[in-house]
Amino acid sequence: MTRPQLEALKKIYSGAKNPRTHEQLSPGYEPGAEAEPGVPGVSFASYVFGAGPGASLDAMFSTSFYGNFVFQNPEWKFSAFRFDEDPARVEKEVGPILNADNPNLREFRDAGGKLIHYHGWNDGSPPPRQSLMYYEDVVKAMGGMAQTQKFYRLYLAPGMMHCGGGPGPNAFGNMLDPAPASDAEHNIFVALQEWTEKEKAPAKVVATKYKSDNPAAGIALTRPLCAYPQVARWNGKGEASETRNWLCAAPPSK
């Protein structure tokens, strides 16, 4: 790769920053997520790279969003965004209407609500670490991890792109491909229903990877999606492609 290409990739990984204060404005995308062409419209390449300069889906979204909603100028281009000044204007103009970052979920919890939140590590649209950041904010606001997990759980899918697709196990009742079974273990919506109606909290959800992402072709592998902060660990003995040989465990210490 050329030096300019490497510098551009580093910026994609590191996320948007204020060039003057170096404040982190948004997390970046995950290394390795760019390697899979994926499903048209949901892949890292579709959202970040595009067919050429300014041709990615994110560029189109940003041009339409900022041009029409924020700056009220249909001729505005994403390349005109000023990272030092414009984020404050965005917050002022549309933040009160569109922001979904309030970590105080007491009313939802007290009403008996249950929330399951999932995100693919290969997502090329909203960076997956945004979900982690929000969840950690909720944990702080709601009295800690144990209290939060009584009504809200986060599951991170390795190798999954935006809502589905990607090289990892990506079918669990979520979007593109059907789950292999309509039960709480394999279908995240059934798990939510069981949790809401019967107080059976899901410790894990089994995600499936079909061969060539085609259910008719058979199953390539299965993997448990563990409730954050737990991670899936292989037991080191059986086939790594089978869920039964994986455990949900605490993450490695730093």
C-alpha atoms as a PDB file:
ATOM      1  CA  MET A   1       0.000   0.000   0.000  1.00  0.00           C
ATOM      2  CA  THR A   2       1.136   3.565  -0.612  1.00  0.00           C
ATOM      3  CA  ARG A   3       1.773   5.912   2.292  1.00  0.00           C
ATOM      4  CA  PRO A   4      -1.410   7.964   1.590  1.00  0.00           C
ATOM      5  CA  GLN A   5      -3.436   4.730   1.531  1.00  0.00           C
ATOM      6  CA  LEU A   6      -1.971   3.638   4.854  1.00  0.00           C
ATOM      7  CA  GLU A   7      -2.680   7.024   6.406  1.00  0.00           C
ATOM      8  CA  ALA A   8      -6.281   6.890   5.185  1.00  0.00           C
ATOM      9  CA  LEU A   9      -6.724   3.401   6.630  1.00  0.00           C
ATOM     10  CA  LYS A  10      -5.319   4.500   9.987  1.00  0.00           C
ATOM     11  CA  LYS A  11      -7.879   7.308  10.077  1.00  0.00           C
ATOM     12  CA  ILE A  12     -10.686   4.865   9.327  1.00  0.00           C
ATOM     13  CA  TYR A  13      -9.543   2.643  12.196  1.00  0.00           C
ATOM     14  CA  SER A  14      -8.991   5.478  14.660  1.00  0.00           C
ATOM     15  CA  GLY A  15     -12.300   7.290  14.061  1.00  0.00           C
ATOM     16  CA  ALA A  16     -13.186  10.954  13.709  1.00  0.00           C
ATOM     17  CA  LYS A  17     -11.335  13.449  15.896  1.00  0.00           C
ATOM     18  CA  ASN A  18     -11.392  17.185  16.366  1.00  0.00           C
ATOM     19  CA  PRO A  19      -8.205  18.306  14.575  1.00  0.00           C
ATOM     20  CA  ARG A  20      -7.660  21.170  17.017  1.00  0.00           C
ATOM     21  CA  THR A  21      -8.483  19.625  20.409  1.00  0.00           C
ATOM     22  CA  HIS A  22      -7.957  15.953  19.384  1.00  0.00           C
ATOM     23  CA  GLU A  23     -11.273  15.103  21.066  1.00  0.00           C
ATOM     24  CA  GLN A  24     -12.618  11.750  19.899  1.00  0.00           C
ATOM     25  CA  LEU A  25     -15.880  12.430  18.057  1.00  0.00           C
ATOM     26  CA  SER A  26     -16.669   8.860  17.065  1.00  0.00           C
ATOM     27  CA  PRO A  27     -14.974   5.452  17.323  1.00  0.00           C
ATOM     28  CA  GLY A  28     -13.457   4.057  14.162  1.00  0.00           C
ATOM     29  CA  TYR A  29     -14.078   0.817  12.311  1.00  0.00           C
ATOM     30  CA  GLU A  30     -12.502  -2.495  13.258  1.00  0.00           C
ATOM     31  CA  PRO A  31      -9.309  -3.830  11.634  1.00  0.00           C
ATOM     32  CA  GLY A  32     -10.091  -6.799   9.429  1.00  0.00           C
ATOM     33  CA  ALA A  33     -13.683  -5.817   8.711  1.00  0.00           C
ATOM     34  CA  GLU A  34     -12.662  -4.419   5.322  1.00  0.00           C
ATOM     35  CA  ALA A  35     -11.466  -7.799   4.042  1.00  0.00           C
ATOM     36  CA  GLU A  36     -14.877  -9.276   3.205  1.00  0.00           C
ATOM     37  CA  PRO A  37     -16.782  -7.960   0.146  1.00  0.00           C
ATOM     38  CA  GLY A  38     -19.986  -9.063   1.823  1.00  0.00           C
ATOM     39  CA  VAL A  39     -23.576  -8.545   0.792  1.00  0.00           C
ATOM     40  CA  PRO A  40     -24.262  -5.526  -1.468  1.00  0.00           C
ATOM     41  CA  GLY A  41     -25.574  -2.686   0.626  1.00  0.00           C
ATOM     42  CA  VAL A  42     -24.465  -4.019   4.018  1.00  0.00           C
ATOM     43  CA  SER A  43     -20.714  -4.483   3.585  1.00  0.00           C
ATOM     44  CA  PHE A  44     -17.783  -2.471   4.898  1.00  0.00           C
ATOM     45  CA  ALA A  45     -16.803  -1.744   1.281  1.00  0.00           C
ATOM     46  CA  SER A  46     -20.271  -0.402   0.476  1.00  0.00           C
ATOM     47  CA  TYR A  47     -20.362   1.906   3.482  1.00  0.00           C
ATOM     48  CA  VAL A  48     -16.753   3.055   3.808  1.00  0.00           C
ATOM     49  CA  PHE A  49     -14.916   2.651   0.495  1.00  0.00           C
ATOM     50  CA  GLY A  50     -17.583   2.820  -2.207  1.00  0.00           C
ATOM     51  CA  ALA A  51     -16.914   2.610  -5.923  1.00  0.00           C
ATOM     52  CA  GLY A  52     -14.894   5.839  -5.852  1.00  0.00           C
ATOM     53  CA  PRO A  53     -14.356   9.091  -3.925  1.00  0.00           C
ATOM     54  CA  GLY A  54     -17.634  10.200  -2.389  1.00  0.00           C
ATOM     55  CA  ALA A  55     -19.490   7.134  -3.655  1.00  0.00           C
ATOM     56  CA  SER A  56     -19.850   5.132  -0.447  1.00  0.00           C
ATOM     57  CA  LEU A  57     -23.229   4.756   1.242  1.00  0.00           C
ATOM     58  CA  ASP A  58     -22.005   6.711   4.256  1.00  0.00           C
ATOM     59  CA  ALA A  59     -20.959   9.568   1.980  1.00  0.00           C
ATOM     60  CA  MET A  60     -24.431   9.598   0.431  1.00  0.00           C
ATOM     61  CA  PHE A  61     -26.082   9.443   3.834  1.00  0.00           C
ATOM     62  CA  SER A  62     -23.923  12.228   5.221  1.00  0.00           C
ATOM     63  CA  THR A  63     -24.439  14.470   2.197  1.00  0.00           C
ATOM     64  CA  SER A  64     -28.220  14.108   2.388  1.00  0.00           C
ATOM     65  CA  PHE A  65     -28.410  14.300   6.180  1.00  0.00           C
ATOM     66  CA  TYR A  66     -26.118  17.259   6.758  1.00  0.00           C
ATOM     67  CA  GLY A  67     -27.056  19.074   3.578  1.00  0.00           C
ATOM     68  CA  ASN A  68     -30.811  18.918   4.107  1.00  0.00           C
ATOM     69  CA  PHE A  69     -31.321  18.541   7.853  1.00  0.00           C
ATOM     70  CA  VAL A  70     -28.428  20.469   9.348  1.00  0.00           C
ATOM     71  CA  PHE A  71     -27.232  23.062   6.857  1.00  0.00           C
ATOM     72  CA  GLN A  72     -30.433  23.259   4.788  1.00  0.00           C
ATOM     73  CA  ASN A  73     -28.358  23.412   1.630  1.00  0.00           C
ATOM     74  CA  PRO A  74     -29.008  20.637  -0.913  1.00  0.00           C
ATOM     75  CA  GLU A  75     -25.747  21.539  -2.661  1.00  0.00           C
ATOM     76  CA  TRP A  76     -23.658  20.831   0.464  1.00  0.00           C
ATOM     77  CA  LYS A  77     -20.971  18.114   0.116  1.00  0.00           C
ATOM     78  CA  PHE A  78     -19.590  15.893   2.854  1.00  0.00           C
ATOM     79  CA  SER A  79     -16.058  17.068   2.056  1.00  0.00           C
ATOM     80  CA  ALA A  80     -17.019  20.504   3.414  1.00  0.00           C
ATOM     81  CA  PHE A  81     -17.617  19.199   6.940  1.00  0.00           C
ATOM     82  CA  ARG A  82     -15.514  21.064   9.523  1.00  0.00           C
ATOM     83  CA  PHE A  83     -14.658  18.666  12.329  1.00  0.00           C
ATOM     84  CA  ASP A  84     -13.716  21.495  14.656  1.00  0.00           C
ATOM     85  CA  GLU A  85     -16.950  23.486  14.392  1.00  0.00           C
ATOM     86  CA  ASP A  86     -19.752  21.538  12.767  1.00  0.00           C
ATOM     87  CA  PRO A  87     -20.379  18.818  15.408  1.00  0.00           C
ATOM     88  CA  ALA A  88     -21.626  21.521  17.783  1.00  0.00           C
ATOM     89  CA  ARG A  89     -23.985  22.803  15.111  1.00  0.00           C
ATOM     90  CA  VAL A  90     -25.300  19.310  14.487  1.00  0.00           C
ATOM     91  CA  GLU A  91     -26.068  18.922  18.198  1.00  0.00           C
ATOM     92  CA  LYS A  92     -27.850  22.255  18.264  1.00  0.00           C
ATOM     93  CA  GLU A  93     -29.903  21.793  15.084  1.00  0.00           C
ATOM     94  CA  VAL A  94     -31.016  18.157  15.250  1.00  0.00           C
ATOM     95  CA  GLY A  95     -29.553  16.608  18.409  1.00  0.00           C
ATOM     96  CA  PRO A  96     -32.631  17.206  20.591  1.00  0.00           C
ATOM     97  CA  ILE A  97     -34.787  15.461  17.981  1.00  0.00           C
ATOM     98  CA  LEU A  98     -32.629  12.585  16.787  1.00  0.00           C
ATOM     99  CA  ASN A  99     -30.134  11.666  19.519  1.00  0.00           C
ATOM    100  CA  ALA A 100     -30.774   8.257  21.064  1.00  0.00           C
ATOM    101  CA  ASP A 101     -27.997   8.314  23.635  1.00  0.00           C
ATOM    102  CA  ASN A 102     -29.803   8.909  26.926  1.00  0.00           C
ATOM    103  CA  PRO A 103     -28.488   6.235  29.319  1.00  0.00           C
ATOM    104  CA  ASN A 104     -31.247   6.753  31.876  1.00  0.00           C
ATOM    105  CA  LEU A 105     -33.594   3.842  31.153  1.00  0.00           C
ATOM    106  CA  ARG A 106     -35.365   3.813  34.500  1.00  0.00           C
ATOM    107  CA  GLU A 107     -38.853   4.416  33.117  1.00  0.00           C
ATOM    108  CA  PHE A 108     -38.378   1.612  30.580  1.00  0.00           C
ATOM    109  CA  ARG A 109     -37.033  -0.744  33.266  1.00  0.00           C
ATOM    110  CA  ASP A 110     -39.724   0.145  35.799  1.00  0.00           C
ATOM    111  CA  ALA A 111     -42.420  -0.510  33.193  1.00  0.00           C
ATOM    112  CA  GLY A 112     -41.152  -4.084  32.883  1.00  0.00           C
ATOM    113  CA  GLY A 113     -39.314  -3.535  29.611  1.00  0.00           C
ATOM    114  CA  LYS A 114     -36.590  -5.889  28.403  1.00  0.00           C
ATOM    115  CA  LEU A 115     -34.013  -4.880  25.816  1.00  0.00           C
ATOM    116  CA  ILE A 116     -31.729  -7.045  23.676  1.00  0.00           C
ATOM    117  CA  HIS A 117     -29.141  -5.115  21.680  1.00  0.00           C
ATOM    118  CA  TYR A 118     -26.835  -6.712  19.099  1.00  0.00           C
ATOM    119  CA  HIS A 119     -24.102  -5.381  16.815  1.00  0.00           C
ATOM    120  CA  GLY A 120     -21.759  -6.987  14.277  1.00  0.00           C
ATOM    121  CA  TRP A 121     -18.029  -6.457  14.758  1.00  0.00           C
ATOM    122  CA  ASN A 122     -17.636  -6.052  10.970  1.00  0.00           C
ATOM    123  CA  ASP A 123     -20.283  -3.338  10.701  1.00  0.00           C
ATOM    124  CA  GLY A 124     -19.246  -0.633   8.232  1.00  0.00           C
ATOM    125  CA  SER A 125     -22.093   1.744   9.091  1.00  0.00           C
ATOM    126  CA  PRO A 126     -22.409   2.574  12.816  1.00  0.00           C
ATOM    127  CA  PRO A 127     -19.069   1.484  14.341  1.00  0.00           C
ATOM    128  CA  PRO A 128     -19.619  -1.404  16.775  1.00  0.00           C
ATOM    129  CA  ARG A 129     -17.793   0.379  19.583  1.00  0.00           C
ATOM    130  CA  GLN A 130     -20.588   2.944  19.647  1.00  0.00           C
ATOM    131  CA  SER A 131     -22.819   0.205  21.027  1.00  0.00           C
ATOM    132  CA  LEU A 132     -20.193  -0.655  23.635  1.00  0.00           C
ATOM    133  CA  MET A 133     -19.876   2.984  24.658  1.00  0.00           C
ATOM    134  CA  TYR A 134     -23.628   3.400  25.017  1.00  0.00           C
ATOM    135  CA  TYR A 135     -23.994   0.185  26.995  1.00  0.00           C
ATOM    136  CA  GLU A 136     -21.243   1.216  29.393  1.00  0.00           C
ATOM    137  CA  ASP A 137     -22.983   4.576  29.846  1.00  0.00           C
ATOM    138  CA  VAL A 138     -26.203   2.754  30.743  1.00  0.00           C
ATOM    139  CA  VAL A 139     -24.317   0.545  33.193  1.00  0.00           C
ATOM    140  CA  LYS A 140     -23.011   3.649  34.972  1.00  0.00           C
ATOM    141  CA  ALA A 141     -26.412   5.322  35.006  1.00  0.00           C
ATOM    142  CA  MET A 142     -28.384   2.271  36.121  1.00  0.00           C
ATOM    143  CA  GLY A 143     -26.336   1.148  39.097  1.00  0.00           C
ATOM    144  CA  GLY A 144     -23.807  -1.259  37.645  1.00  0.00           C
ATOM    145  CA  MET A 145     -23.559  -4.273  35.348  1.00  0.00           C
ATOM    146  CA  ALA A 146     -25.642  -6.654  37.483  1.00  0.00           C
ATOM    147  CA  GLN A 147     -28.538  -4.218  37.722  1.00  0.00           C
ATOM    148  CA  THR A 148     -28.385  -3.400  34.016  1.00  0.00           C
ATOM    149  CA  GLN A 149     -28.344  -7.030  32.913  1.00  0.00           C
ATOM    150  CA  LYS A 150     -31.625  -7.614  34.709  1.00  0.00           C
ATOM    151  CA  PHE A 151     -33.371  -5.798  31.842  1.00  0.00           C
ATOM    152  CA  TYR A 152     -30.823  -4.932  29.111  1.00  0.00           C
ATOM    153  CA  ARG A 153     -28.205  -7.176  27.453  1.00  0.00           C
ATOM    154  CA  LEU A 154     -25.744  -6.564  24.634  1.00  0.00           C
ATOM    155  CA  TYR A 155     -24.533  -9.230  22.187  1.00  0.00           C
ATOM    156  CA  LEU A 156     -21.632  -8.668  19.792  1.00  0.00           C
ATOM    157  CA  ALA A 157     -21.444 -10.868  16.685  1.00  0.00           C
ATOM    158  CA  PRO A 158     -17.924 -11.668  15.404  1.00  0.00           C
ATOM    159  CA  GLY A 159     -17.500 -11.252  11.661  1.00  0.00           C
ATOM    160  CA  MET A 160     -21.030  -9.931  11.088  1.00  0.00           C
ATOM    161  CA  MET A 161     -21.633  -6.826   9.011  1.00  0.00           C
ATOM    162  CA  HIS A 162     -24.494  -4.319   9.171  1.00  0.00           C
ATOM    163  CA  CYS A 163     -27.410  -6.306  10.654  1.00  0.00           C
ATOM    164  CA  GLY A 164     -26.277  -9.462   8.840  1.00  0.00           C
ATOM    165  CA  GLY A 165     -23.887 -10.856   6.242  1.00  0.00           C
ATOM    166  CA  GLY A 166     -20.140 -11.170   6.618  1.00  0.00           C
ATOM    167  CA  PRO A 167     -17.767 -14.096   7.172  1.00  0.00           C
ATOM    168  CA  GLY A 168     -18.855 -14.840  10.731  1.00  0.00           C
ATOM    169  CA  PRO A 169     -21.942 -16.582  12.181  1.00  0.00           C
ATOM    170  CA  ASN A 170     -24.652 -14.130  11.193  1.00  0.00           C
ATOM    171  CA  ALA A 171     -28.043 -15.851  11.395  1.00  0.00           C
ATOM    172  CA  PHE A 172     -29.863 -15.786  14.731  1.00  0.00           C
ATOM    173  CA  GLY A 173     -33.326 -14.545  13.817  1.00  0.00           C
ATOM    174  CA  ASN A 174     -31.940 -11.096  13.184  1.00  0.00           C
ATOM    175  CA  MET A 175     -32.382 -10.082   9.546  1.00  0.00           C
ATOM    176  CA  LEU A 176     -31.149 -11.709   6.360  1.00  0.00           C
ATOM    177  CA  ASP A 177     -31.177 -15.473   6.929  1.00  0.00           C
ATOM    178  CA  PRO A 178     -33.580 -17.522   9.068  1.00  0.00           C
ATOM    179  CA  ALA A 179     -32.403 -19.132  12.279  1.00  0.00           C
ATOM    180  CA  PRO A 180     -32.162 -22.940  12.100  1.00  0.00           C
ATOM    181  CA  ALA A 181     -34.699 -23.243  14.920  1.00  0.00           C
ATOM    182  CA  SER A 182     -37.462 -20.988  16.223  1.00  0.00           C
ATOM    183  CA  ASP A 183     -36.535 -21.240  19.873  1.00  0.00           C
ATOM    184  CA  ALA A 184     -34.979 -18.920  22.428  1.00  0.00           C
ATOM    185  CA  GLU A 185     -31.556 -20.492  21.991  1.00  0.00           C
ATOM    186  CA  HIS A 186     -31.311 -19.794  18.242  1.00  0.00           C
ATOM    187  CA  ASN A 187     -33.680 -16.873  17.625  1.00  0.00           C
ATOM    188  CA  ILE A 188     -32.982 -13.581  19.370  1.00  0.00           C
ATOM    189  CA  PHE A 189     -36.575 -12.376  19.065  1.00  0.00           C
ATOM    190  CA  VAL A 190     -37.922 -15.537  20.658  1.00  0.00           C
ATOM    191  CA  ALA A 191     -35.313 -15.013  23.393  1.00  0.00           C
ATOM    192  CA  LEU A 192     -36.659 -11.499  23.930  1.00  0.00           C
ATOM    193  CA  GLN A 193     -40.223 -12.801  24.099  1.00  0.00           C
ATOM    194  CA  GLU A 194     -39.260 -15.471  26.640  1.00  0.00           C
ATOM    195  CA  TRP A 195     -37.423 -12.888  28.723  1.00  0.00           C
ATOM    196  CA  THR A 196     -40.304 -10.421  28.627  1.00  0.00           C
ATOM    197  CA  GLU A 197     -43.137 -12.854  29.225  1.00  0.00           C
ATOM    198  CA  LYS A 198     -41.503 -15.565  31.343  1.00  0.00           C
ATOM    199  CA  GLU A 199     -38.491 -13.808  32.928  1.00  0.00           C
ATOM    200  CA  LYS A 200     -36.107 -16.277  31.268  1.00  0.00           C
ATOM    201  CA  ALA A 201     -33.055 -14.114  30.633  1.00  0.00           C
ATOM    202  CA  PRO A 202     -30.848 -15.303  27.736  1.00  0.00           C
ATOM    203  CA  ALA A 203     -27.284 -16.014  28.837  1.00  0.00           C
ATOM    204  CA  LYS A 204     -26.332 -16.655  25.214  1.00  0.00           C
ATOM    205  CA  VAL A 205     -27.822 -16.877  21.737  1.00  0.00           C
ATOM    206  CA  VAL A 206     -26.505 -19.385  19.190  1.00  0.00           C
ATOM    207  CA  ALA A 207     -25.539 -17.764  15.860  1.00  0.00           C
ATOM    208  CA  THR A 208     -25.311 -19.846  12.678  1.00  0.00           C
ATOM    209  CA  LYS A 209     -23.160 -19.478   9.576  1.00  0.00           C
ATOM    210  CA  TYR A 210     -24.652 -21.195   6.526  1.00  0.00           C
ATOM    211  CA  LYS A 211     -22.428 -22.380   3.720  1.00  0.00           C
ATOM    212  CA  SER A 212     -22.211 -19.507   1.211  1.00  0.00           C
ATOM    213  CA  ASP A 213     -24.862 -17.806   3.405  1.00  0.00           C
ATOM    214  CA  ASN A 214     -27.429 -20.142   1.843  1.00  0.00           C
ATOM    215  CA  PRO A 215     -29.637 -22.033   4.349  1.00  0.00           C
ATOM    216  CA  ALA A 216     -30.311 -24.700   1.734  1.00  0.00           C
ATOM    217  CA  ALA A 217     -26.577 -25.454   1.497  1.00  0.00           C
ATOM    218  CA  GLY A 218     -26.299 -26.514   5.124  1.00  0.00           C
ATOM    219  CA  ILE A 219     -24.565 -25.212   8.221  1.00  0.00           C
ATOM    220  CA  ALA A 220     -20.884 -24.282   8.142  1.00  0.00           C
ATOM    221  CA  LEU A 221     -20.507 -23.416  11.831  1.00  0.00           C
ATOM    222  CA  THR A 222     -22.324 -22.264  14.943  1.00  0.00           C
ATOM    223  CA  ARG A 223     -21.051 -20.012  17.690  1.00  0.00           C
ATOM    224  CA  PRO A 224     -22.546 -18.648  20.923  1.00  0.00           C
ATOM    225  CA  LEU A 225     -23.096 -14.905  21.199  1.00  0.00           C
ATOM    226  CA  CYS A 226     -22.446 -14.145  24.846  1.00  0.00           C
ATOM    227  CA  ALA A 227     -23.987 -11.356  26.888  1.00  0.00           C
ATOM    228  CA  TYR A 228     -21.422  -8.556  27.203  1.00  0.00           C
ATOM    229  CA  PRO A 229     -18.946  -8.369  28.884  1.00  0.00           C
ATOM    230  CA  GLN A 230     -18.568 -12.133  28.538  1.00  0.00           C
ATOM    231  CA  VAL A 231     -16.837 -13.533  25.458  1.00  0.00           C
ATOM    232  CA  ALA A 232     -16.955 -16.903  23.718  1.00  0.00           C
ATOM    233  CA  ARG A 233     -13.986 -19.190  24.453  1.00  0.00           C
ATOM    234  CA  TRP A 234     -13.176 -22.446  22.689  1.00  0.00           C
ATOM    235  CA  ASN A 235     -12.591 -25.328  25.096  1.00  0.00           C
ATOM    236  CA  GLY A 236      -9.554 -26.427  23.082  1.00  0.00           C
ATOM    237  CA  LYS A 237     -10.837 -29.953  22.497  1.00  0.00           C
ATOM    238  CA  GLY A 238     -13.756 -30.364  20.121  1.00  0.00           C
ATOM    239  CA  GLU A 239     -14.517 -28.958  16.688  1.00  0.00           C
ATOM    240  CA  ALA A 240     -14.278 -25.159  16.721  1.00  0.00           C
ATOM    241  CA  SER A 241     -17.229 -25.044  14.333  1.00  0.00           C
ATOM    242  CA  GLU A 242     -19.676 -26.382  16.961  1.00  0.00           C
ATOM    243  CA  THR A 243     -21.305 -24.273  19.661  1.00  0.00           C
ATOM    244  CA  ARG A 244     -21.112 -27.063  22.232  1.00  0.00           C
ATOM    245  CA  ASN A 245     -17.330 -26.627  22.307  1.00  0.00           C
ATOM    246  CA  TRP A 246     -17.519 -22.960  23.256  1.00  0.00           C
ATOM    247  CA  LEU A 247     -18.137 -21.394  26.657  1.00  0.00           C
ATOM    248  CA  CYS A 248     -19.227 -17.914  27.677  1.00  0.00           C
ATOM    249  CA  ALA A 249     -16.534 -16.611  30.005  1.00  0.00           C
ATOM    250  CA  ALA A 250     -15.087 -13.415  31.413  1.00  0.00           C
ATOM    251  CA  PRO A 251     -12.870 -11.514  28.965  1.00  0.00           C
ATOM    252  CA  PRO A 252      -9.092 -11.850  29.281  1.00  0.00           C
ATOM    253  CA  SER A 253      -7.592  -9.427  31.786  1.00  0.00           C
ATOM    254  CA  LYS A 254      -5.728  -6.516  30.240  1.00  0.00           C
END
